[in-house]
C-alpha atoms as a PDB file:
ATOM      1  CA  GLU A   1      40.554  -4.350   9.178  1.00  0.00           C
ATOM      2  CA  TYR A   2      37.657  -6.629  10.149  1.00  0.00           C
ATOM      3  CA  TYR A   3      39.915  -9.383  11.428  1.00  0.00           C
ATOM      4  CA  LYS A   4      42.022  -6.996  13.513  1.00  0.00           C
ATOM      5  CA  ARG A   5      38.877  -5.988  15.432  1.00  0.00           C
ATOM      6  CA  TYR A   6      38.209  -9.551  16.529  1.00  0.00           C
ATOM      7  CA  GLU A   7      41.762 -10.878  16.756  1.00  0.00           C
ATOM      8  CA  ASN A   8      42.176 -10.971  20.536  1.00  0.00           C
ATOM      9  CA  ASP A   9      42.484 -13.327  23.510  1.00  0.00           C
ATOM     10  CA  ARG A  10      38.719 -13.476  24.074  1.00  0.00           C
ATOM     11  CA  THR A  11      38.040 -14.587  20.515  1.00  0.00           C
ATOM     12  CA  ARG A  12      40.832 -17.163  20.656  1.00  0.00           C
ATOM     13  CA  LYS A  13      39.428 -18.603  23.881  1.00  0.00           C
ATOM     14  CA  ILE A  14      35.958 -18.878  22.344  1.00  0.00           C
ATOM     15  CA  LEU A  15      37.314 -20.581  19.215  1.00  0.00           C
ATOM     16  CA  ASP A  16      39.386 -22.979  21.290  1.00  0.00           C
ATOM     17  CA  GLN A  17      36.371 -23.950  23.414  1.00  0.00           C
ATOM     18  CA  VAL A  18      34.108 -24.425  20.376  1.00  0.00           C
ATOM     19  CA  GLU A  19      36.833 -26.487  18.682  1.00  0.00           C
ATOM     20  CA  LYS A  20      37.141 -28.697  21.796  1.00  0.00           C
ATOM     21  CA  ILE A  21      33.394 -29.287  21.931  1.00  0.00           C
ATOM     22  CA  SER A  22      33.355 -29.902  18.184  1.00  0.00           C
ATOM     23  CA  ALA A  23      35.857 -32.729  18.708  1.00  0.00           C
ATOM     24  CA  GLU A  24      33.782 -34.100  21.604  1.00  0.00           C
ATOM     25  CA  THR A  25      30.520 -34.140  19.718  1.00  0.00           C
ATOM     26  CA  GLY A  26      31.727 -34.994  16.209  1.00  0.00           C
ATOM     27  CA  LYS A  27      29.954 -31.858  14.919  1.00  0.00           C
ATOM     28  CA  THR A  28      31.518 -28.986  12.987  1.00  0.00           C
ATOM     29  CA  MET A  29      32.468 -25.787  14.770  1.00  0.00           C
ATOM     30  CA  ALA A  30      29.643 -23.994  12.950  1.00  0.00           C
ATOM     31  CA  GLN A  31      27.135 -26.592  14.124  1.00  0.00           C
ATOM     32  CA  VAL A  32      28.350 -26.287  17.723  1.00  0.00           C
ATOM     33  CA  ALA A  33      28.209 -22.467  17.588  1.00  0.00           C
ATOM     34  CA  LEU A  34      24.703 -22.424  16.115  1.00  0.00           C
ATOM     35  CA  ASN A  35      23.469 -25.054  18.561  1.00  0.00           C
ATOM     36  CA  TRP A  36      24.838 -22.936  21.417  1.00  0.00           C
ATOM     37  CA  VAL A  37      23.022 -19.860  20.069  1.00  0.00           C
ATOM     38  CA  MET A  38      19.786 -21.865  19.757  1.00  0.00           C
ATOM     39  CA  SER A  39      20.148 -23.107  23.355  1.00  0.00           C
ATOM     40  CA  ASN A  40      19.622 -19.555  24.608  1.00  0.00           C
ATOM     41  CA  PRO A  41      15.928 -19.127  25.444  1.00  0.00           C
ATOM     42  CA  ALA A  42      16.139 -15.422  24.570  1.00  0.00           C
ATOM     43  CA  VAL A  43      16.967 -16.280  20.938  1.00  0.00           C
ATOM     44  CA  THR A  44      13.883 -16.908  18.838  1.00  0.00           C
ATOM     45  CA  ALA A  45      15.610 -17.366  15.500  1.00  0.00           C
ATOM     46  CA  PRO A  46      19.364 -17.524  14.861  1.00  0.00           C
ATOM     47  CA  ILE A  47      20.472 -15.710  11.711  1.00  0.00           C
ATOM     48  CA  ILE A  48      22.807 -17.824   9.635  1.00  0.00           C
ATOM     49  CA  GLY A  49      25.160 -16.490   7.003  1.00  0.00           C
ATOM     50  CA  ALA A  50      25.366 -19.406   4.604  1.00  0.00           C
ATOM     51  CA  ARG A  51      26.732 -18.385   1.209  1.00  0.00           C
ATOM     52  CA  SER A  52      26.508 -21.767  -0.456  1.00  0.00           C
ATOM     53  CA  VAL A  53      24.410 -24.911  -0.455  1.00  0.00           C
ATOM     54  CA  GLU A  54      27.262 -26.684   1.365  1.00  0.00           C
ATOM     55  CA  GLN A  55      27.319 -24.128   4.141  1.00  0.00           C
ATOM     56  CA  LEU A  56      23.499 -24.243   4.447  1.00  0.00           C
ATOM     57  CA  SER A  57      23.622 -28.023   4.690  1.00  0.00           C
ATOM     58  CA  ASP A  58      26.291 -27.803   7.394  1.00  0.00           C
ATOM     59  CA  ASN A  59      24.309 -25.170   9.316  1.00  0.00           C
ATOM     60  CA  LEU A  60      21.204 -27.346   9.257  1.00  0.00           C
ATOM     61  CA  GLY A  61      23.260 -29.984  11.064  1.00  0.00           C
ATOM     62  CA  ALA A  62      23.000 -27.786  14.160  1.00  0.00           C
ATOM     63  CA  THR A  63      19.443 -29.039  14.652  1.00  0.00           C
ATOM     64  CA  GLY A  64      18.169 -32.333  16.021  1.00  0.00           C
ATOM     65  CA  TRP A  65      20.629 -32.602  18.906  1.00  0.00           C
ATOM     66  CA  HIS A  66      21.537 -30.631  22.059  1.00  0.00           C
ATOM     67  CA  LEU A  67      24.768 -29.586  23.702  1.00  0.00           C
ATOM     68  CA  GLU A  68      25.237 -30.846  27.228  1.00  0.00           C
ATOM     69  CA  LYS A  69      24.705 -28.343  30.029  1.00  0.00           C
ATOM     70  CA  ARG A  70      28.430 -28.350  30.840  1.00  0.00           C
ATOM     71  CA  GLN A  71      29.301 -27.585  27.208  1.00  0.00           C
ATOM     72  CA  ILE A  72      26.860 -24.640  27.100  1.00  0.00           C
ATOM     73  CA  GLU A  73      28.297 -23.353  30.367  1.00  0.00           C
ATOM     74  CA  ALA A  74      31.869 -23.698  29.048  1.00  0.00           C
ATOM     75  CA  ILE A  75      31.078 -21.566  25.985  1.00  0.00           C
ATOM     76  CA  ASN A  76      29.112 -19.072  28.157  1.00  0.00           C
ATOM     77  CA  GLU A  77      32.103 -18.711  30.452  1.00  0.00           C
ATOM     78  CA  VAL A  78      34.604 -17.809  27.749  1.00  0.00           C
ATOM     79  CA  SER A  79      32.215 -15.602  25.763  1.00  0.00           C
ATOM     80  CA  ASN A  80      30.849 -13.430  28.592  1.00  0.00           C
ATOM     81  CA  LEU A  81      31.383  -9.749  27.975  1.00  0.00           C
ATOM     82  CA  GLU A  82      33.029  -7.548  30.558  1.00  0.00           C
ATOM     83  CA  VAL A  83      30.512  -5.224  32.190  1.00  0.00           C
ATOM     84  CA  THR A  84      31.913  -1.710  32.010  1.00  0.00           C
ATOM     85  CA  TYR A  85      31.021   1.693  33.412  1.00  0.00           C
ATOM     86  CA  PRO A  86      28.323   2.793  34.067  1.00  0.00           C
ATOM     87  CA  TYR A  87      26.663  -0.635  34.022  1.00  0.00           C
ATOM     88  CA  ASP A  88      29.118  -2.149  36.516  1.00  0.00           C
ATOM     89  CA  ARG A  89      27.857   0.407  39.080  1.00  0.00           C
ATOM     90  CA  ARG A  90      24.330  -0.840  38.668  1.00  0.00           C
ATOM     91  CA  SER A  91      25.492  -4.419  39.305  1.00  0.00           C
ATOM     92  CA  GLU A  92      27.343  -3.307  42.457  1.00  0.00           C
ATOM     93  CA  GLU A  93      24.174  -1.582  43.753  1.00  0.00           C
ATOM     94  CA  GLN A  94      22.129  -4.708  43.062  1.00  0.00           C
ATOM     95  CA  GLN A  95      24.609  -6.798  45.091  1.00  0.00           C
ATOM     96  CA  ARG A  96      24.550  -4.317  47.979  1.00  0.00           C
ATOM     97  CA  SER A  97      20.766  -4.061  48.118  1.00  0.00           C
ATOM     98  CA  GLY A  98      20.075  -7.699  47.312  1.00  0.00           C
ATOM     99  CA  ARG A  99      17.377  -6.769  44.848  1.00  0.00           C
ATOM    100  CA  GLU A 100      16.977  -6.284  41.096  1.00  0.00           C
ATOM    101  CA  LEU A 101      16.950  -2.736  39.815  1.00  0.00           C
ATOM    102  CA  SER A 102      14.667  -1.883  36.925  1.00  0.00           C
END
């Protein structure tokens, strides 16, 4: 049941992009994903789900280095959520008025 919920084109694109960057950096996919999360200034503390010492050790490998700007942007691009009604209307109004709505 859980996997069916996330088994879709968007998830596959995200995994493919993280795998590509993993190969570029020599880091694991988990390290790339955690580093990407930590690159977001709105995130104060990523929550990891390590269930073993090995997973914890791998997760800690996400620190001490930084993804390149283009790599962050590549993951951002494939992971953006579609803005749906009614929030898409707000975005359209912002574009028309040229100002931020609060």
